[in-house]
Amino acid sequence: MRDAVIVEAVRTPLGKRRGALRNVHPVDLSAQVLKALVARAGVQPARIDE
C-alpha cells in the first residue's frame, strides 16, 4: 500500500440554509473544490486515485 500525501487544502464557502448558495448542488460545490485543489497543486488529475 502506498502512503497518502496531502499536497494542498481548499475550503468551501460557508452558507446559510436559504442563503446565496441554496441553488448550488453539493456535488457541484465539491467539484469546484477538487478543480481548485488540482490547479493549486499542479498535479495531473490522472495521478489521483480514490
N, C-alpha and C. Protein backbone atom coordinates (compact mmCIF):
# COMPACT_ATOMS: atom_id res chain seq x y z
N MET A 1 0.84 -1.18 0.00
CA MET A 1 0.00 0.00 0.00
C MET A 1 0.89 1.24 0.00
N ARG A 2 0.52 2.22 -0.78
CA ARG A 2 1.26 3.48 -0.85
C ARG A 2 0.81 4.40 0.27
N ASP A 3 1.69 5.31 0.65
CA ASP A 3 1.34 6.31 1.65
C ASP A 3 0.49 7.41 1.02
N ALA A 4 -0.47 7.90 1.78
CA ALA A 4 -1.27 9.03 1.33
C ALA A 4 -0.47 10.32 1.55
N VAL A 5 -0.58 11.24 0.62
CA VAL A 5 0.14 12.50 0.71
C VAL A 5 -0.86 13.64 0.51
N ILE A 6 -0.88 14.58 1.45
CA ILE A 6 -1.71 15.78 1.32
C ILE A 6 -0.82 16.87 0.76
N VAL A 7 -1.19 17.40 -0.39
CA VAL A 7 -0.35 18.40 -1.05
C VAL A 7 -0.94 19.80 -1.04
N GLU A 8 -2.21 19.93 -0.73
CA GLU A 8 -2.87 21.23 -0.76
C GLU A 8 -4.19 21.13 -0.01
N ALA A 9 -4.76 22.26 0.35
CA ALA A 9 -6.05 22.29 1.02
C ALA A 9 -6.87 23.48 0.52
N VAL A 10 -8.16 23.26 0.38
CA VAL A 10 -9.10 24.31 -0.07
C VAL A 10 -10.37 24.15 0.75
N ARG A 11 -10.95 25.26 1.15
CA ARG A 11 -12.22 25.21 1.89
C ARG A 11 -13.37 25.64 0.99
N THR A 12 -14.52 25.08 1.28
CA THR A 12 -15.72 25.54 0.59
C THR A 12 -16.26 26.75 1.33
N PRO A 13 -17.02 27.58 0.65
CA PRO A 13 -17.63 28.72 1.35
C PRO A 13 -18.69 28.24 2.34
N LEU A 14 -18.88 29.00 3.38
CA LEU A 14 -19.93 28.69 4.35
C LEU A 14 -21.19 29.41 3.93
N GLY A 15 -22.32 28.80 4.15
CA GLY A 15 -23.57 29.42 3.76
C GLY A 15 -24.68 29.09 4.74
N LYS A 16 -25.73 29.84 4.63
CA LYS A 16 -26.91 29.60 5.45
C LYS A 16 -27.87 28.70 4.70
N ARG A 17 -28.80 28.12 5.41
CA ARG A 17 -29.74 27.17 4.81
C ARG A 17 -30.48 27.74 3.60
N ARG A 18 -30.93 28.94 3.64
CA ARG A 18 -31.62 29.55 2.50
C ARG A 18 -30.84 30.75 1.97
N GLY A 19 -29.52 30.63 2.00
CA GLY A 19 -28.65 31.73 1.61
C GLY A 19 -28.31 31.73 0.13
N ALA A 20 -27.24 32.42 -0.19
CA ALA A 20 -26.85 32.63 -1.58
C ALA A 20 -26.48 31.33 -2.31
N LEU A 21 -26.07 30.31 -1.58
CA LEU A 21 -25.67 29.05 -2.22
C LEU A 21 -26.79 28.02 -2.28
N ARG A 22 -28.00 28.42 -1.97
CA ARG A 22 -29.11 27.46 -1.90
C ARG A 22 -29.38 26.75 -3.23
N ASN A 23 -29.02 27.36 -4.34
CA ASN A 23 -29.27 26.76 -5.64
C ASN A 23 -28.07 25.98 -6.18
N VAL A 24 -27.00 25.91 -5.40
CA VAL A 24 -25.80 25.18 -5.83
C VAL A 24 -25.85 23.78 -5.22
N HIS A 25 -25.86 22.78 -6.06
CA HIS A 25 -25.90 21.40 -5.59
C HIS A 25 -24.56 21.06 -4.92
N PRO A 26 -24.58 20.32 -3.82
CA PRO A 26 -23.34 19.96 -3.13
C PRO A 26 -22.29 19.28 -4.03
N VAL A 27 -22.74 18.50 -4.99
CA VAL A 27 -21.80 17.84 -5.90
C VAL A 27 -21.07 18.88 -6.74
N ASP A 28 -21.79 19.90 -7.19
CA ASP A 28 -21.17 20.96 -7.99
C ASP A 28 -20.19 21.77 -7.14
N LEU A 29 -20.54 22.00 -5.90
CA LEU A 29 -19.65 22.72 -4.99
C LEU A 29 -18.37 21.91 -4.75
N SER A 30 -18.53 20.62 -4.55
CA SER A 30 -17.38 19.74 -4.34
C SER A 30 -16.49 19.69 -5.58
N ALA A 31 -17.10 19.68 -6.75
CA ALA A 31 -16.33 19.65 -7.99
C ALA A 31 -15.45 20.89 -8.12
N GLN A 32 -15.98 22.04 -7.73
CA GLN A 32 -15.19 23.27 -7.78
C GLN A 32 -13.99 23.18 -6.83
N VAL A 33 -14.19 22.60 -5.67
CA VAL A 33 -13.10 22.43 -4.70
C VAL A 33 -12.03 21.51 -5.28
N LEU A 34 -12.45 20.40 -5.87
CA LEU A 34 -11.48 19.46 -6.43
C LEU A 34 -10.71 20.07 -7.59
N LYS A 35 -11.37 20.85 -8.43
CA LYS A 35 -10.68 21.53 -9.53
C LYS A 35 -9.65 22.51 -9.00
N ALA A 36 -9.99 23.25 -7.95
CA ALA A 36 -9.06 24.20 -7.36
C ALA A 36 -7.86 23.49 -6.74
N LEU A 37 -8.11 22.37 -6.09
CA LEU A 37 -7.01 21.59 -5.50
C LEU A 37 -6.02 21.13 -6.57
N VAL A 38 -6.54 20.59 -7.64
CA VAL A 38 -5.68 20.09 -8.72
C VAL A 38 -4.89 21.25 -9.33
N ALA A 39 -5.54 22.38 -9.53
CA ALA A 39 -4.86 23.54 -10.13
C ALA A 39 -3.77 24.07 -9.19
N ARG A 40 -4.05 24.18 -7.92
CA ARG A 40 -3.07 24.70 -6.96
C ARG A 40 -1.87 23.77 -6.80
N ALA A 41 -2.15 22.48 -6.76
CA ALA A 41 -1.08 21.50 -6.50
C ALA A 41 -0.24 21.23 -7.74
N GLY A 42 -0.80 21.50 -8.91
CA GLY A 42 -0.07 21.24 -10.14
C GLY A 42 0.07 19.74 -10.42
N VAL A 43 -0.87 18.97 -9.93
CA VAL A 43 -0.85 17.51 -10.10
C VAL A 43 -1.71 17.15 -11.31
N GLN A 44 -1.27 16.18 -12.06
CA GLN A 44 -2.06 15.69 -13.17
C GLN A 44 -3.25 14.91 -12.61
N PRO A 45 -4.47 15.22 -13.02
CA PRO A 45 -5.66 14.54 -12.49
C PRO A 45 -5.59 13.01 -12.61
N ALA A 46 -4.92 12.53 -13.64
CA ALA A 46 -4.82 11.07 -13.85
C ALA A 46 -4.00 10.40 -12.74
N ARG A 47 -3.20 11.16 -12.02
CA ARG A 47 -2.37 10.60 -10.95
C ARG A 47 -3.12 10.48 -9.63
N ILE A 48 -4.33 11.01 -9.58
CA ILE A 48 -5.11 10.98 -8.35
C ILE A 48 -5.95 9.73 -8.31
N ASP A 49 -5.90 9.05 -7.17
CA ASP A 49 -6.65 7.81 -7.02
C ASP A 49 -7.51 7.90 -5.77
N GLU A 50 -8.74 7.52 -5.88
CA GLU A 50 -9.69 7.48 -4.77
C GLU A 50 -9.67 8.74 -3.96
